[in-house]
Amino acid sequence: MPKKKKIKKIKKIKSLKNKKIVKVSKQLKTPEKKTISNNEEKPEIKKIKKQPTEKRIYNLKDFVVYPKHGVGKITSIEKAKIGDIDIQFYKIYVEKEKLTLTVPINQQSKLRPISSINQINKCISILKTKPKIKRTMWSRRAQEYDQKINSGKIYELAEVVKDLNKNTDIIADQSYSERQLFEKAYERLKSEFEAVLKANPEEVQKKMDKALGRTQILQEA
């Protein structure tokens, strides 16, 4: 009888050992699964990081927007050699500022094409909304408006025009800096409207003033 008990005990110990070995082997296998899943995710991350940023090719007489100067027209596409490097660049004439810009084709990230008619229509709807004036110091607001104007984003331009619009042409109703920022944003927006709609300045001004509610006041004046 004691021998049988010993045999049973040995079997139990062996089974426990086997169970422990199985558990250990499972634990060892789990990180392998994780590494496989990580390996599967890596190609996806690489794909996102390595997405090609295609350079847009503009043609002669195309209108483009340079954020700090507004709408310009490509007058020529030229080449120049600086050292051993051949550089191709656009010559862009900004009529409002009587300025010619030289923008290398490989550094055109700031350039953008002019807006679509749908975007212009959205701008008109923005101009029709009520102005949102923050209760902060004018110096801070002026800085924010200036950043929006120089962002080159048409919706932000429309917001500045809408917020600084006083529905009047009386100079006393606006401070000098307010009027300066309003006129800058208004002219930038107007020049893009002209390029997209292919309309003359008078027609565009009427369209914008109507959206801003300035036409009635101008007629009364």
Protein backbone atom coordinates (compact mmCIF):
# COMPACT_ATOMS: atom_id res chain seq x y z
CA MET A 1 0.00 0.00 0.00
CA PRO A 2 2.68 2.59 0.78
CA LYS A 3 4.28 1.94 -2.62
CA LYS A 4 1.03 2.74 -4.44
CA LYS A 5 0.72 6.00 -2.52
CA LYS A 6 4.23 6.96 -3.54
CA ILE A 7 3.44 6.23 -7.20
CA LYS A 8 0.30 8.41 -6.98
CA LYS A 9 2.28 11.24 -5.42
CA ILE A 10 4.94 11.02 -8.15
CA LYS A 11 2.20 11.15 -10.83
CA LYS A 12 0.63 14.20 -9.20
CA ILE A 13 4.00 15.99 -9.06
CA LYS A 14 4.63 15.16 -12.71
CA SER A 15 1.19 16.45 -13.74
CA LEU A 16 1.73 19.66 -11.77
CA LYS A 17 5.12 20.11 -13.42
CA ASN A 18 3.56 19.56 -16.83
CA LYS A 19 0.90 22.15 -16.08
CA LYS A 20 3.54 24.66 -15.01
CA ILE A 21 5.53 23.97 -18.19
CA VAL A 22 2.39 24.53 -20.29
CA LYS A 23 1.66 27.79 -18.48
CA VAL A 24 5.23 29.01 -18.90
CA SER A 25 5.21 28.10 -22.59
CA LYS A 26 1.93 30.01 -23.05
CA GLN A 27 3.40 33.05 -21.33
CA LEU A 28 6.42 32.86 -23.55
CA LYS A 29 4.26 32.62 -26.65
CA THR A 30 2.14 35.69 -25.90
CA PRO A 31 4.89 38.27 -26.54
CA GLU A 32 5.58 36.55 -29.85
CA LYS A 33 1.96 37.23 -30.82
CA LYS A 34 2.34 40.86 -29.79
CA THR A 35 5.47 41.24 -31.86
CA ILE A 36 3.65 39.79 -34.85
CA SER A 37 0.77 42.24 -34.35
CA ASN A 38 3.30 45.06 -33.99
CA ASN A 39 5.00 43.94 -37.17
CA GLU A 40 1.66 43.99 -38.92
CA GLU A 41 0.97 47.56 -37.73
CA LYS A 42 4.39 48.92 -38.71
CA PRO A 43 3.81 48.94 -42.48
CA GLU A 44 0.62 50.98 -41.94
CA ILE A 45 2.49 53.60 -39.89
CA LYS A 46 5.22 53.77 -42.53
CA LYS A 47 2.64 54.30 -45.24
CA ILE A 48 1.13 57.28 -43.40
CA LYS A 49 4.54 58.84 -42.81
CA LYS A 50 5.70 58.29 -46.37
CA GLN A 51 2.64 59.67 -48.14
CA PRO A 52 3.93 61.61 -51.14
CA THR A 53 3.27 65.36 -51.12
CA GLU A 54 2.73 66.08 -54.77
CA LYS A 55 3.74 69.51 -56.00
CA ARG A 56 1.02 71.28 -57.90
CA ILE A 57 2.02 72.48 -61.35
CA TYR A 58 0.70 75.90 -62.26
CA ASN A 59 0.58 77.28 -65.78
CA LEU A 60 1.13 80.71 -67.26
CA LYS A 61 -1.68 83.19 -66.52
CA ASP A 62 -2.95 81.06 -63.63
CA PHE A 63 -4.14 82.97 -60.57
CA VAL A 64 -2.61 81.87 -57.27
CA VAL A 65 -2.74 83.11 -53.69
CA TYR A 66 0.39 83.99 -51.74
CA PRO A 67 -0.74 84.41 -48.09
CA LYS A 68 1.19 87.57 -47.22
CA HIS A 69 0.34 89.40 -50.45
CA GLY A 70 -2.94 87.99 -51.74
CA VAL A 71 -3.94 87.09 -55.29
CA GLY A 72 -1.31 87.15 -58.00
CA LYS A 73 -1.00 86.04 -61.60
CA ILE A 74 1.80 83.84 -62.95
CA THR A 75 3.48 85.91 -65.64
CA SER A 76 6.36 83.55 -66.44
CA ILE A 77 8.06 80.26 -65.50
CA GLU A 78 11.82 80.73 -65.59
CA LYS A 79 15.04 78.81 -64.91
CA ALA A 80 18.23 79.94 -63.24
CA LYS A 81 21.51 78.29 -62.22
CA ILE A 82 22.80 78.96 -58.72
CA GLY A 83 26.19 77.27 -58.35
CA ASP A 84 25.72 73.77 -59.78
CA ILE A 85 21.98 73.67 -59.08
CA ASP A 86 19.31 74.37 -61.70
CA ILE A 87 16.31 76.13 -60.14
CA GLN A 88 12.91 76.60 -61.75
CA PHE A 89 10.64 79.31 -60.38
CA TYR A 90 7.42 81.22 -60.94
CA LYS A 91 7.22 84.96 -61.49
CA ILE A 92 3.98 86.12 -59.86
CA TYR A 93 2.61 89.63 -60.31
CA VAL A 94 0.38 90.95 -57.50
CA GLU A 95 -1.57 93.78 -59.10
CA LYS A 96 -3.03 95.25 -55.88
CA GLU A 97 0.46 95.82 -54.45
CA LYS A 98 2.26 96.37 -57.79
CA LEU A 99 4.69 93.68 -56.72
CA THR A 100 6.46 90.80 -58.54
CA LEU A 101 7.24 87.71 -56.48
CA THR A 102 9.82 85.03 -57.32
CA VAL A 103 8.76 81.65 -55.92
CA PRO A 104 10.91 78.52 -56.54
CA ILE A 105 8.78 75.58 -57.70
CA ASN A 106 10.30 73.29 -55.04
CA GLN A 107 9.36 75.83 -52.32
CA GLN A 108 5.76 76.49 -53.29
CA SER A 109 4.14 75.11 -50.12
CA LYS A 110 2.76 78.57 -49.29
CA LEU A 111 1.07 78.97 -52.66
CA ARG A 112 -2.48 77.82 -53.18
CA PRO A 113 -4.84 77.89 -56.14
CA ILE A 114 -7.70 80.39 -56.09
CA SER A 115 -10.94 79.24 -54.52
CA SER A 116 -13.83 77.47 -56.22
CA ILE A 117 -17.25 79.08 -56.85
CA ASN A 118 -18.66 76.96 -53.99
CA GLN A 119 -16.09 78.44 -51.62
CA ILE A 120 -16.96 81.95 -52.82
CA ASN A 121 -20.64 81.26 -52.14
CA LYS A 122 -19.74 80.07 -48.64
CA CYS A 123 -17.80 83.32 -48.11
CA ILE A 124 -20.89 85.32 -49.08
CA SER A 125 -22.92 83.38 -46.50
CA ILE A 126 -20.22 84.19 -43.89
CA LEU A 127 -20.44 87.90 -44.76
CA LYS A 128 -24.20 87.79 -44.16
CA THR A 129 -23.84 86.50 -40.58
CA LYS A 130 -23.62 88.70 -37.50
CA PRO A 131 -20.14 89.84 -36.42
CA LYS A 132 -18.53 88.08 -33.47
CA ILE A 133 -16.65 90.59 -31.37
CA LYS A 134 -14.60 89.24 -28.45
CA ARG A 135 -14.40 91.20 -25.22
CA THR A 136 -10.62 91.33 -25.23
CA MET A 137 -8.16 94.16 -25.64
CA TRP A 138 -8.05 95.64 -29.14
CA SER A 139 -4.28 95.03 -29.44
CA ARG A 140 -4.83 91.28 -29.01
CA ARG A 141 -7.79 91.22 -31.39
CA ALA A 142 -5.85 93.24 -33.97
CA GLN A 143 -3.04 90.68 -33.83
CA GLU A 144 -5.51 87.84 -34.35
CA TYR A 145 -7.13 89.63 -37.30
CA ASP A 146 -3.73 90.29 -38.87
CA GLN A 147 -2.79 86.60 -38.54
CA LYS A 148 -6.06 85.60 -40.20
CA ILE A 149 -5.47 88.02 -43.08
CA ASN A 150 -1.95 86.70 -43.68
CA SER A 151 -3.00 83.04 -43.33
CA GLY A 152 -4.17 83.00 -46.95
CA LYS A 153 -7.35 81.14 -45.96
CA ILE A 154 -10.37 82.63 -47.68
CA TYR A 155 -12.87 81.77 -44.92
CA GLU A 156 -10.70 83.50 -42.32
CA LEU A 157 -10.50 86.56 -44.56
CA ALA A 158 -14.29 86.60 -44.83
CA GLU A 159 -14.57 86.38 -41.03
CA VAL A 160 -12.30 89.41 -40.56
CA VAL A 161 -14.30 91.45 -43.08
CA LYS A 162 -17.56 90.44 -41.39
CA ASP A 163 -16.30 91.15 -37.85
CA LEU A 164 -14.81 94.57 -38.69
CA ASN A 165 -17.69 95.69 -40.89
CA LYS A 166 -19.48 98.70 -39.37
CA ASN A 167 -22.17 98.97 -42.09
CA THR A 168 -21.01 102.50 -42.70
CA ASP A 169 -18.42 104.58 -44.54
CA ILE A 170 -18.20 107.23 -41.82
CA ILE A 171 -14.57 107.26 -40.68
CA ALA A 172 -15.47 108.39 -37.14
CA ASP A 173 -17.26 105.06 -36.51
CA GLN A 174 -13.97 103.15 -36.81
CA SER A 175 -10.54 103.63 -35.31
CA TYR A 176 -7.64 104.08 -37.72
CA SER A 177 -6.21 100.58 -37.06
CA GLU A 178 -9.68 98.98 -37.38
CA ARG A 179 -10.26 100.67 -40.71
CA GLN A 180 -6.79 99.67 -41.96
CA LEU A 181 -7.35 96.00 -41.14
CA PHE A 182 -10.87 96.06 -42.59
CA GLU A 183 -9.68 97.58 -45.88
CA LYS A 184 -6.75 95.15 -46.12
CA ALA A 185 -9.02 92.11 -45.61
CA TYR A 186 -11.77 93.57 -47.82
CA GLU A 187 -9.37 94.19 -50.74
CA ARG A 188 -7.78 90.73 -50.43
CA LEU A 189 -11.18 89.06 -50.45
CA LYS A 190 -12.41 91.28 -53.28
CA SER A 191 -9.41 90.46 -55.49
CA GLU A 192 -10.06 86.72 -55.08
CA PHE A 193 -13.76 87.22 -55.85
CA GLU A 194 -12.74 89.05 -59.05
CA ALA A 195 -10.38 86.24 -60.13
CA VAL A 196 -12.86 83.42 -59.43
CA LEU A 197 -16.03 85.10 -60.73
CA LYS A 198 -14.18 86.79 -63.63
CA ALA A 199 -16.08 89.95 -62.86
CA ASN A 200 -15.04 93.61 -62.79
CA PRO A 201 -14.26 95.33 -59.45
CA GLU A 202 -17.55 97.31 -59.40
CA GLU A 203 -19.72 94.20 -59.73
CA VAL A 204 -17.76 92.37 -57.05
CA GLN A 205 -17.95 95.33 -54.68
CA LYS A 206 -21.74 95.50 -55.09
CA LYS A 207 -22.01 91.77 -54.36
CA MET A 208 -19.87 92.00 -51.23
CA ASP A 209 -21.53 95.19 -49.94
CA LYS A 210 -24.96 93.66 -50.41
CA ALA A 211 -23.93 90.63 -48.32
CA LEU A 212 -22.48 92.95 -45.65
CA GLY A 213 -25.61 95.14 -45.62
CA ARG A 214 -23.68 98.23 -46.72
CA THR A 215 -25.69 98.98 -49.88
CA GLN A 216 -28.67 100.60 -48.13
CA ILE A 217 -26.44 102.94 -46.12
CA LEU A 218 -24.41 103.85 -49.23
CA GLN A 219 -27.60 104.61 -51.17
CA GLU A 220 -28.88 106.83 -48.36
CA ALA A 221 -25.52 108.63 -48.24
